[in-house]
Every structure is written in structure tokens, then in C-alpha cells.
């Protein structure tokens, strides 16, 4: 399966948070399109295994970078390989996330939200844009994963939702600022996705009846939308929820509704 991804953005893509869940789905979808991969994750064994599998099954090159994205040195480590490969597409899927009361976060956890979800992607994008600032004739792609959780202030998700709101605004701003310089910038405003992280956060027995999207559907929606719009909301139900909550209902009611839903979901735990 090949399309014009490797025509528009060269033959290499960096996927941050590539070892499992949505990052793994991005890696597989791009490999099937003939894209070589720079795969970044902290889960070394899982990362290297997936890289080997994709090299064999899709006949592409895959570089596995075992990095902690909370550490500043990870940015230069990624940029070094980006320069070596002339990589022109980056997908920042990595995120630190916990469902818990704000006061249960210790200072180190709060710093990790900022480092992984805000500092590293912002500095990576900044360095990436400088790398290609003189190459306006080449298409470059940047995809940031945001979340519907960043659209409203929601209990038990305060640091995560705040950082995802930042990602949305950053990507939307850069979409308009950089499009004349050959950069396609997209934010994915995702709802609940069937990833190990999300499924593991649910209280026991709460999965039944819940509507979650599969990773492949989210990935394809993102890849189709890159270069077409500033943000995408995968899934018809999620689009309707976003429209209703942001365009129809007063914000105070939207926020109250979302907080009630989250409170009910985790009522037994909190």
C-alpha cells in the first residue's frame, strides 16, 4: 500500500512514542506506505522488536532511538538523526498521562507533564523548522496529538488536559504561520482511543458500552488531513460532541456536563 506521503515529505518520518498503541499504528501505516522510520520511545525492547518486524515485513529502514523524552538531550538526539536522513515529517504522539486528583501528583510528575507534553515537542518543532527554514520548495509535515480533554477543564485530568490544550493551540497557530514556508502543521483532537494507556486507566468493568476508536481509524484520519486543515477530530461521534459542546451549548454547561461524565466514570475510585 503506497500513496503520496513519501512523495510529499521525502522517504523518512520520525514517530515519537512509537512502541505501542497509537504510535505503533502510525509506524505500521507509514511503513506500509514505503516510509522509512525514526522510531522513538522509552520502551526499548518493545521498540526494537517493532522496528525489526517492520523492516522485515515492509522492507523499509527503521532506526530505533531509545530516549526519555523528558530529558532535554533527547531533542538534539532526534535532530541528529533527522539531519542524517533528511527527514521531513515528524509525528509527536508521545505523552505523559495520569487520571488522578491534582494533589496526588508530586512535583516530579508535574514537571514530566511539562517536559514530555510541552517542552520537548515545542523545542523539537523549533529546531526542525530552523533546519528547513531555507527550503521553502520542500514540503515538511508536523503532526501533534492533542485531545478532546484539552477542550474543557475536566477533573482528574487537569495537567494532561492543560498540556493538550497547549498542543492544539501551538499546532493551529503554526499551521497559519508556517504554511507559506512549506510546512504542513496539524493537530489531532482525539477522543477515547483503544490504546493500552487509555484502557488501563479505566476502572474495572467500565469498558463495557463505552465508545472508543481503534488506532488505525485515527491514524488514517490524521494522514488524510495533514496539509489540508489546521486540526482534525477523528470519528463522527467525536465531531458531533465537539460541535455540540463548543458551538451550541454555553461553555458553563459543556464543562459541567464533561465533569459529570468523568466523575461518574471514576466515581468508585474517587
C-alpha atoms as a PDB file:
ATOM      1  CA  UNK A   1       0.000   0.000   0.000  1.00  0.00           C
ATOM      2  CA  UNK A   2       1.625   3.230  -1.125  1.00  0.00           C
ATOM      3  CA  UNK A   3       0.363   6.759  -1.586  1.00  0.00           C
ATOM      4  CA  UNK A   4       1.898  10.193  -1.942  1.00  0.00           C
ATOM      5  CA  UNK A   5       3.200  10.513   1.648  1.00  0.00           C
ATOM      6  CA  UNK A   6       6.755   9.650   0.610  1.00  0.00           C
ATOM      7  CA  UNK A   7       6.411  11.920  -2.415  1.00  0.00           C
ATOM      8  CA  UNK A   8       5.373  14.986  -0.427  1.00  0.00           C
ATOM      9  CA  UNK A   9       7.576  14.534   2.618  1.00  0.00           C
ATOM     10  CA  UNK A  10      10.543  12.553   1.396  1.00  0.00           C
ATOM     11  CA  UNK A  11      11.242   8.997   2.473  1.00  0.00           C
ATOM     12  CA  UNK A  12      11.713   9.331   6.266  1.00  0.00           C
ATOM     13  CA  UNK A  13       9.350  10.036   9.158  1.00  0.00           C
ATOM     14  CA  UNK A  14      10.051  10.428  12.872  1.00  0.00           C
ATOM     15  CA  UNK A  15       7.429   8.988  15.220  1.00  0.00           C
ATOM     16  CA  UNK A  16       7.827   9.945  18.889  1.00  0.00           C
ATOM     17  CA  UNK A  17       6.109   7.466  21.175  1.00  0.00           C
ATOM     18  CA  UNK A  18       6.315   4.709  18.581  1.00  0.00           C
ATOM     19  CA  UNK A  19       6.482   1.471  20.561  1.00  0.00           C
ATOM     20  CA  UNK A  20       2.818   0.733  21.256  1.00  0.00           C
ATOM     21  CA  UNK A  21      -0.736   1.942  20.867  1.00  0.00           C
ATOM     22  CA  UNK A  22      -1.289   4.846  18.510  1.00  0.00           C
ATOM     23  CA  UNK A  23       2.437   5.341  17.883  1.00  0.00           C
ATOM     24  CA  UNK A  24       2.770   1.733  16.785  1.00  0.00           C
ATOM     25  CA  UNK A  25      -0.226   2.185  14.469  1.00  0.00           C
ATOM     26  CA  UNK A  26       1.368   5.304  12.940  1.00  0.00           C
ATOM     27  CA  UNK A  27       4.617   3.410  12.419  1.00  0.00           C
ATOM     28  CA  UNK A  28       2.875   0.494  10.731  1.00  0.00           C
ATOM     29  CA  UNK A  29       0.718   2.698   8.491  1.00  0.00           C
ATOM     30  CA  UNK A  30       3.725   4.722   7.334  1.00  0.00           C
ATOM     31  CA  UNK A  31       5.879   1.641   6.799  1.00  0.00           C
ATOM     32  CA  UNK A  32       3.142   0.152   4.595  1.00  0.00           C
ATOM     33  CA  UNK A  33       3.302   3.352   2.555  1.00  0.00           C
ATOM     34  CA  UNK A  34       7.020   2.785   1.991  1.00  0.00           C
ATOM     35  CA  UNK A  35       8.244   5.375   4.507  1.00  0.00           C
ATOM     36  CA  UNK A  36      11.446   4.728   6.431  1.00  0.00           C
ATOM     37  CA  UNK A  37      11.097   5.353  10.155  1.00  0.00           C
ATOM     38  CA  UNK A  38      12.911   7.028  13.021  1.00  0.00           C
ATOM     39  CA  UNK A  39      11.116   5.387  15.932  1.00  0.00           C
ATOM     40  CA  UNK A  40      11.472   6.992  19.358  1.00  0.00           C
ATOM     41  CA  UNK A  41      10.336   5.552  22.676  1.00  0.00           C
ATOM     42  CA  UNK A  42      11.421   4.806  26.228  1.00  0.00           C
ATOM     43  CA  UNK A  43      10.299   1.170  25.979  1.00  0.00           C
ATOM     44  CA  UNK A  44      13.494  -0.191  24.464  1.00  0.00           C
ATOM     45  CA  UNK A  45      12.674  -3.883  23.965  1.00  0.00           C
ATOM     46  CA  UNK A  46       9.216  -3.280  22.504  1.00  0.00           C
ATOM     47  CA  UNK A  47      10.598  -0.504  20.281  1.00  0.00           C
ATOM     48  CA  UNK A  48      13.420  -2.597  18.831  1.00  0.00           C
ATOM     49  CA  UNK A  49      11.139  -5.570  18.243  1.00  0.00           C
ATOM     50  CA  UNK A  50       8.613  -3.487  16.296  1.00  0.00           C
ATOM     51  CA  UNK A  51      11.377  -1.822  14.283  1.00  0.00           C
ATOM     52  CA  UNK A  52      12.765  -5.218  13.245  1.00  0.00           C
ATOM     53  CA  UNK A  53       9.301  -6.500  12.350  1.00  0.00           C
ATOM     54  CA  UNK A  54       8.566  -3.505  10.134  1.00  0.00           C
ATOM     55  CA  UNK A  55      11.935  -3.692   8.415  1.00  0.00           C
ATOM     56  CA  UNK A  56      11.245  -7.314   7.540  1.00  0.00           C
ATOM     57  CA  UNK A  57       7.553  -7.127   6.636  1.00  0.00           C
ATOM     58  CA  UNK A  58       7.558  -3.782   4.815  1.00  0.00           C
ATOM     59  CA  UNK A  59      11.129  -3.755   3.510  1.00  0.00           C
ATOM     60  CA  UNK A  60      11.886  -0.315   4.912  1.00  0.00           C
ATOM     61  CA  UNK A  61      14.629   1.058   7.139  1.00  0.00           C
ATOM     62  CA  UNK A  62      13.763   1.661  10.798  1.00  0.00           C
ATOM     63  CA  UNK A  63      16.048   3.388  13.277  1.00  0.00           C
ATOM     64  CA  UNK A  64      15.082   2.714  16.902  1.00  0.00           C
ATOM     65  CA  UNK A  65      16.005   5.548  19.273  1.00  0.00           C
ATOM     66  CA  UNK A  66      15.687   4.616  22.928  1.00  0.00           C
ATOM     67  CA  UNK A  67      15.121   8.031  24.534  1.00  0.00           C
ATOM     68  CA  UNK A  68      13.433   9.543  27.558  1.00  0.00           C
ATOM     69  CA  UNK A  69      11.572  12.497  26.076  1.00  0.00           C
ATOM     70  CA  UNK A  70      11.525  14.254  29.438  1.00  0.00           C
ATOM     71  CA  UNK A  71      15.267  14.866  29.083  1.00  0.00           C
ATOM     72  CA  UNK A  72      16.447  17.886  27.126  1.00  0.00           C
ATOM     73  CA  UNK A  73      19.219  15.921  25.393  1.00  0.00           C
ATOM     74  CA  UNK A  74      16.552  13.875  23.576  1.00  0.00           C
ATOM     75  CA  UNK A  75      15.817  16.837  21.310  1.00  0.00           C
ATOM     76  CA  UNK A  76      19.317  17.022  19.856  1.00  0.00           C
ATOM     77  CA  UNK A  77      19.451  13.218  19.621  1.00  0.00           C
ATOM     78  CA  UNK A  78      16.332  13.276  17.428  1.00  0.00           C
ATOM     79  CA  UNK A  79      17.556  16.228  15.399  1.00  0.00           C
ATOM     80  CA  UNK A  80      20.858  14.493  14.701  1.00  0.00           C
ATOM     81  CA  UNK A  81      19.057  11.590  13.013  1.00  0.00           C
ATOM     82  CA  UNK A  82      16.636  13.966  11.279  1.00  0.00           C
ATOM     83  CA  UNK A  83      19.629  15.727   9.707  1.00  0.00           C
ATOM     84  CA  UNK A  84      21.323  12.444   8.782  1.00  0.00           C
ATOM     85  CA  UNK A  85      18.256  11.112   6.979  1.00  0.00           C
ATOM     86  CA  UNK A  86      16.834  14.388   5.615  1.00  0.00           C
ATOM     87  CA  UNK A  87      13.626  13.503   7.480  1.00  0.00           C
ATOM     88  CA  UNK A  88      10.825  15.956   6.647  1.00  0.00           C
ATOM     89  CA  UNK A  89       7.891  14.530   8.594  1.00  0.00           C
ATOM     90  CA  UNK A  90       7.572  14.384  12.392  1.00  0.00           C
ATOM     91  CA  UNK A  91       4.689  12.893  14.357  1.00  0.00           C
ATOM     92  CA  UNK A  92       4.760  13.667  18.070  1.00  0.00           C
ATOM     93  CA  UNK A  93       2.483  11.102  19.654  1.00  0.00           C
ATOM     94  CA  UNK A  94       4.317  10.695  22.970  1.00  0.00           C
ATOM     95  CA  UNK A  95       2.510  11.933  26.069  1.00  0.00           C
ATOM     96  CA  UNK A  96       2.630  11.631  29.838  1.00  0.00           C
ATOM     97  CA  UNK A  97      -0.840  10.995  31.239  1.00  0.00           C
ATOM     98  CA  UNK A  98      -2.408  10.051  34.557  1.00  0.00           C
ATOM     99  CA  UNK A  99      -6.023  10.023  35.699  1.00  0.00           C
ATOM    100  CA  UNK A 100      -5.896  11.205  39.295  1.00  0.00           C
ATOM    101  CA  UNK A 101      -6.565  14.117  41.589  1.00  0.00           C
ATOM    102  CA  UNK A 102      -4.304  17.109  41.030  1.00  0.00           C
ATOM    103  CA  UNK A 103      -2.902  16.939  44.556  1.00  0.00           C
ATOM    104  CA  UNK A 104      -1.830  13.329  44.033  1.00  0.00           C
ATOM    105  CA  UNK A 105       0.762  14.490  41.501  1.00  0.00           C
ATOM    106  CA  UNK A 106       4.160  15.048  43.077  1.00  0.00           C
ATOM    107  CA  UNK A 107       6.439  17.832  41.746  1.00  0.00           C
ATOM    108  CA  UNK A 108       8.416  15.383  39.583  1.00  0.00           C
ATOM    109  CA  UNK A 109       5.222  14.217  37.868  1.00  0.00           C
ATOM    110  CA  UNK A 110       4.100  17.779  37.209  1.00  0.00           C
ATOM    111  CA  UNK A 111       7.478  18.513  35.644  1.00  0.00           C
ATOM    112  CA  UNK A 112       7.155  15.409  33.472  1.00  0.00           C
ATOM    113  CA  UNK A 113       3.825  16.631  32.071  1.00  0.00           C
ATOM    114  CA  UNK A 114       5.542  19.854  31.035  1.00  0.00           C
ATOM    115  CA  UNK A 115       8.701  18.212  29.716  1.00  0.00           C
ATOM    116  CA  UNK A 116       7.182  15.383  27.668  1.00  0.00           C
ATOM    117  CA  UNK A 117       3.950  17.053  26.551  1.00  0.00           C
ATOM    118  CA  UNK A 118       5.086  20.656  26.026  1.00  0.00           C
ATOM    119  CA  UNK A 119       8.803  21.400  26.274  1.00  0.00           C
ATOM    120  CA  UNK A 120      10.167  18.611  24.086  1.00  0.00           C
ATOM    121  CA  UNK A 121       7.645  18.902  21.217  1.00  0.00           C
ATOM    122  CA  UNK A 122       7.930  22.694  21.160  1.00  0.00           C
ATOM    123  CA  UNK A 123      11.748  22.676  21.054  1.00  0.00           C
ATOM    124  CA  UNK A 124      11.771  19.799  18.553  1.00  0.00           C
ATOM    125  CA  UNK A 125       9.441  21.689  16.221  1.00  0.00           C
ATOM    126  CA  UNK A 126      11.503  24.853  16.640  1.00  0.00           C
ATOM    127  CA  UNK A 127      14.731  23.041  15.729  1.00  0.00           C
ATOM    128  CA  UNK A 128      13.021  21.165  12.876  1.00  0.00           C
ATOM    129  CA  UNK A 129      11.692  24.398  11.389  1.00  0.00           C
ATOM    130  CA  UNK A 130      15.109  26.042  11.602  1.00  0.00           C
ATOM    131  CA  UNK A 131      16.615  23.007   9.869  1.00  0.00           C
ATOM    132  CA  UNK A 132      14.364  23.535   6.848  1.00  0.00           C
ATOM    133  CA  UNK A 133      13.796  27.298   7.011  1.00  0.00           C
ATOM    134  CA  UNK A 134      15.710  27.873   3.763  1.00  0.00           C
ATOM    135  CA  UNK A 135      13.962  25.038   1.880  1.00  0.00           C
ATOM    136  CA  UNK A 136      10.581  26.554   1.100  1.00  0.00           C
ATOM    137  CA  UNK A 137      10.246  24.458  -2.061  1.00  0.00           C
ATOM    138  CA  UNK A 138      10.169  21.234   0.004  1.00  0.00           C
ATOM    139  CA  UNK A 139       7.036  20.077   1.819  1.00  0.00           C
ATOM    140  CA  UNK A 140       7.561  19.416   5.527  1.00  0.00           C
ATOM    141  CA  UNK A 141       4.983  17.857   7.848  1.00  0.00           C
ATOM    142  CA  UNK A 142       4.341  18.244  11.586  1.00  0.00           C
ATOM    143  CA  UNK A 143       1.600  16.361  13.424  1.00  0.00           C
ATOM    144  CA  UNK A 144       0.859  16.942  17.118  1.00  0.00           C
ATOM    145  CA  UNK A 145      -1.524  14.726  19.065  1.00  0.00           C
ATOM    146  CA  UNK A 146      -3.953  16.744  21.139  1.00  0.00           C
ATOM    147  CA  UNK A 147      -7.148  15.532  22.793  1.00  0.00           C
ATOM    148  CA  UNK A 148     -10.763  16.431  23.434  1.00  0.00           C
ATOM    149  CA  UNK A 149      -9.587  16.543  27.069  1.00  0.00           C
ATOM    150  CA  UNK A 150      -7.841  19.786  26.136  1.00  0.00           C
ATOM    151  CA  UNK A 151     -11.095  21.442  25.090  1.00  0.00           C
ATOM    152  CA  UNK A 152     -12.622  21.732  28.577  1.00  0.00           C
ATOM    153  CA  UNK A 153     -11.294  21.871  32.113  1.00  0.00           C
ATOM    154  CA  UNK A 154     -12.026  18.415  33.496  1.00  0.00           C
ATOM    155  CA  UNK A 155     -11.497  16.997  36.964  1.00  0.00           C
ATOM    156  CA  UNK A 156      -8.839  14.282  37.357  1.00  0.00           C
ATOM    157  CA  UNK A 157      -7.245  15.386  34.063  1.00  0.00           C
ATOM    158  CA  UNK A 158      -6.033  18.889  34.901  1.00  0.00           C
ATOM    159  CA  UNK A 159      -2.304  18.684  33.960  1.00  0.00           C
ATOM    160  CA  UNK A 160      -2.930  16.390  30.984  1.00  0.00           C
ATOM    161  CA  UNK A 161      -5.820  18.464  29.622  1.00  0.00           C
ATOM    162  CA  UNK A 162      -3.837  21.666  30.061  1.00  0.00           C
ATOM    163  CA  UNK A 163      -0.883  20.348  28.075  1.00  0.00           C
ATOM    164  CA  UNK A 164      -3.147  19.012  25.331  1.00  0.00           C
ATOM    165  CA  UNK A 165      -4.820  22.406  25.018  1.00  0.00           C
ATOM    166  CA  UNK A 166      -1.333  23.844  24.528  1.00  0.00           C
ATOM    167  CA  UNK A 167      -0.607  21.341  21.730  1.00  0.00           C
ATOM    168  CA  UNK A 168      -3.834  22.271  19.945  1.00  0.00           C
ATOM    169  CA  UNK A 169      -3.165  25.994  20.059  1.00  0.00           C
ATOM    170  CA  UNK A 170       0.505  25.590  19.116  1.00  0.00           C
ATOM    171  CA  UNK A 171      -0.298  23.479  16.054  1.00  0.00           C
ATOM    172  CA  UNK A 172      -3.191  25.670  14.954  1.00  0.00           C
ATOM    173  CA  UNK A 173      -1.037  28.803  15.229  1.00  0.00           C
ATOM    174  CA  UNK A 174       1.863  27.270  13.311  1.00  0.00           C
ATOM    175  CA  UNK A 175      -0.462  25.935  10.616  1.00  0.00           C
ATOM    176  CA  UNK A 176      -1.165  29.509   9.541  1.00  0.00           C
ATOM    177  CA  UNK A 177       2.235  30.995  10.360  1.00  0.00           C
ATOM    178  CA  UNK A 178       4.357  28.412   8.539  1.00  0.00           C
ATOM    179  CA  UNK A 179       2.231  27.263   5.601  1.00  0.00           C
ATOM    180  CA  UNK A 180       3.862  29.829   3.314  1.00  0.00           C
ATOM    181  CA  UNK A 181       7.251  28.315   4.137  1.00  0.00           C
ATOM    182  CA  UNK A 182       6.323  24.802   3.077  1.00  0.00           C
ATOM    183  CA  UNK A 183       5.260  23.381   6.459  1.00  0.00           C
ATOM    184  CA  UNK A 184       2.031  21.430   6.878  1.00  0.00           C
ATOM    185  CA  UNK A 185       1.069  21.523  10.576  1.00  0.00           C
ATOM    186  CA  UNK A 186      -1.839  19.554  12.005  1.00  0.00           C
ATOM    187  CA  UNK A 187      -3.286  18.922  15.464  1.00  0.00           C
ATOM    188  CA  UNK A 188      -5.281  15.742  16.026  1.00  0.00           C
ATOM    189  CA  UNK A 189      -8.055  16.385  18.566  1.00  0.00           C
ATOM    190  CA  UNK A 190      -8.659  12.786  19.546  1.00  0.00           C
ATOM    191  CA  UNK A 191     -11.371  11.285  21.698  1.00  0.00           C
ATOM    192  CA  UNK A 192     -11.055   7.981  23.512  1.00  0.00           C
ATOM    193  CA  UNK A 193      -8.809   5.552  21.616  1.00  0.00           C
ATOM    194  CA  UNK A 194      -8.349   1.844  22.294  1.00  0.00           C
ATOM    195  CA  UNK A 195      -4.712   2.120  23.392  1.00  0.00           C
ATOM    196  CA  UNK A 196      -3.095   0.299  26.322  1.00  0.00           C
ATOM    197  CA  UNK A 197      -2.736   3.613  28.160  1.00  0.00           C
ATOM    198  CA  UNK A 198      -6.408   4.564  27.900  1.00  0.00           C
ATOM    199  CA  UNK A 199      -7.797   1.090  28.505  1.00  0.00           C
ATOM    200  CA  UNK A 200      -5.505   0.679  31.513  1.00  0.00           C
ATOM    201  CA  UNK A 201      -6.805   3.912  33.043  1.00  0.00           C
ATOM    202  CA  UNK A 202     -10.431   2.762  33.141  1.00  0.00           C
ATOM    203  CA  UNK A 203     -11.844   1.392  36.394  1.00  0.00           C
ATOM    204  CA  UNK A 204     -12.543  -2.334  36.343  1.00  0.00           C
ATOM    205  CA  UNK A 205     -15.686  -3.174  34.382  1.00  0.00           C
ATOM    206  CA  UNK A 206     -16.125   0.314  32.914  1.00  0.00           C
ATOM    207  CA  UNK A 207     -15.136  -0.598  29.362  1.00  0.00           C
ATOM    208  CA  UNK A 208     -18.476  -2.228  28.563  1.00  0.00           C
ATOM    209  CA  UNK A 209     -20.668   0.037  26.484  1.00  0.00           C
ATOM    210  CA  UNK A 210     -18.032   2.734  26.051  1.00  0.00           C
ATOM    211  CA  UNK A 211     -17.388   4.108  22.583  1.00  0.00           C
ATOM    212  CA  UNK A 212     -13.685   4.112  21.736  1.00  0.00           C
ATOM    213  CA  UNK A 213     -11.954   4.429  18.375  1.00  0.00           C
ATOM    214  CA  UNK A 214      -9.496   1.915  17.009  1.00  0.00           C
ATOM    215  CA  UNK A 215      -5.988   3.194  16.399  1.00  0.00           C
ATOM    216  CA  UNK A 216      -5.945   2.536  12.650  1.00  0.00           C
ATOM    217  CA  UNK A 217      -9.012   4.728  12.064  1.00  0.00           C
ATOM    218  CA  UNK A 218      -7.418   7.622  13.962  1.00  0.00           C
ATOM    219  CA  UNK A 219      -4.133   7.242  12.076  1.00  0.00           C
ATOM    220  CA  UNK A 220      -5.806   7.280   8.659  1.00  0.00           C
ATOM    221  CA  UNK A 221      -7.864  10.351   9.556  1.00  0.00           C
ATOM    222  CA  UNK A 222      -4.658  12.155  10.553  1.00  0.00           C
ATOM    223  CA  UNK A 223      -2.681  11.185   7.467  1.00  0.00           C
ATOM    224  CA  UNK A 224      -5.535  12.202   5.160  1.00  0.00           C
ATOM    225  CA  UNK A 225      -5.876  15.578   6.893  1.00  0.00           C
ATOM    226  CA  UNK A 226      -2.212  16.575   7.067  1.00  0.00           C
ATOM    227  CA  UNK A 227      -1.734  19.540   4.743  1.00  0.00           C
ATOM    228  CA  UNK A 228      -5.490  20.073   4.378  1.00  0.00           C
ATOM    229  CA  UNK A 229      -6.552  21.808   7.628  1.00  0.00           C
ATOM    230  CA  UNK A 230      -5.212  23.030  10.985  1.00  0.00           C
ATOM    231  CA  UNK A 231      -6.843  20.289  13.089  1.00  0.00           C
ATOM    232  CA  UNK A 232      -8.825  17.100  12.694  1.00  0.00           C
ATOM    233  CA  UNK A 233     -11.281  15.375  15.024  1.00  0.00           C
ATOM    234  CA  UNK A 234     -11.395  11.672  14.085  1.00  0.00           C
ATOM    235  CA  UNK A 235     -14.766   9.982  14.349  1.00  0.00           C
ATOM    236  CA  UNK A 236     -18.292  11.202  13.573  1.00  0.00           C
ATOM    237  CA  UNK A 237     -19.404  10.928  17.198  1.00  0.00           C
ATOM    238  CA  UNK A 238     -16.430  12.967  18.409  1.00  0.00           C
ATOM    239  CA  UNK A 239     -17.100  15.641  15.775  1.00  0.00           C
ATOM    240  CA  UNK A 240     -20.723  15.881  16.931  1.00  0.00           C
ATOM    241  CA  UNK A 241     -19.696  16.108  20.585  1.00  0.00           C
ATOM    242  CA  UNK A 242     -17.174  18.838  19.801  1.00  0.00           C
ATOM    243  CA  UNK A 243     -19.709  20.795  17.725  1.00  0.00           C
ATOM    244  CA  UNK A 244     -22.412  20.495  20.363  1.00  0.00           C
ATOM    245  CA  UNK A 245     -20.126  21.394  23.261  1.00  0.00           C
ATOM    246  CA  UNK A 246     -18.338  24.302  21.570  1.00  0.00           C
ATOM    247  CA  UNK A 247     -20.965  25.771  19.222  1.00  0.00           C
ATOM    248  CA  UNK A 248     -24.384  25.022  20.704  1.00  0.00           C
ATOM    249  CA  UNK A 249     -24.178  24.765  24.486  1.00  0.00           C
ATOM    250  CA  UNK A 250     -22.921  27.590  26.720  1.00  0.00           C
ATOM    251  CA  UNK A 251     -19.431  26.777  27.971  1.00  0.00           C
ATOM    252  CA  UNK A 252     -20.522  26.539  31.608  1.00  0.00           C
ATOM    253  CA  UNK A 253     -22.953  23.768  30.656  1.00  0.00           C
ATOM    254  CA  UNK A 254     -20.399  21.974  28.469  1.00  0.00           C
ATOM    255  CA  UNK A 255     -17.828  21.998  31.262  1.00  0.00           C
ATOM    256  CA  UNK A 256     -20.384  20.844  33.826  1.00  0.00           C
ATOM    257  CA  UNK A 257     -21.501  18.016  31.502  1.00  0.00           C
ATOM    258  CA  UNK A 258     -17.961  16.772  30.887  1.00  0.00           C
ATOM    259  CA  UNK A 259     -17.090  16.917  34.581  1.00  0.00           C
ATOM    260  CA  UNK A 260     -20.219  14.980  35.462  1.00  0.00           C
ATOM    261  CA  UNK A 261     -19.354  12.283  32.904  1.00  0.00           C
ATOM    262  CA  UNK A 262     -15.781  11.926  34.144  1.00  0.00           C
ATOM    263  CA  UNK A 263     -16.910  11.993  37.768  1.00  0.00           C
ATOM    264  CA  UNK A 264     -19.378   9.190  37.130  1.00  0.00           C
ATOM    265  CA  UNK A 265     -16.811   7.122  35.241  1.00  0.00           C
ATOM    266  CA  UNK A 266     -14.312   7.235  38.106  1.00  0.00           C
ATOM    267  CA  UNK A 267     -16.821   7.539  40.972  1.00  0.00           C
ATOM    268  CA  UNK A 268     -15.862   4.218  42.553  1.00  0.00           C
ATOM    269  CA  UNK A 269     -12.205   5.204  42.663  1.00  0.00           C
ATOM    270  CA  UNK A 270     -12.603   8.841  43.729  1.00  0.00           C
END
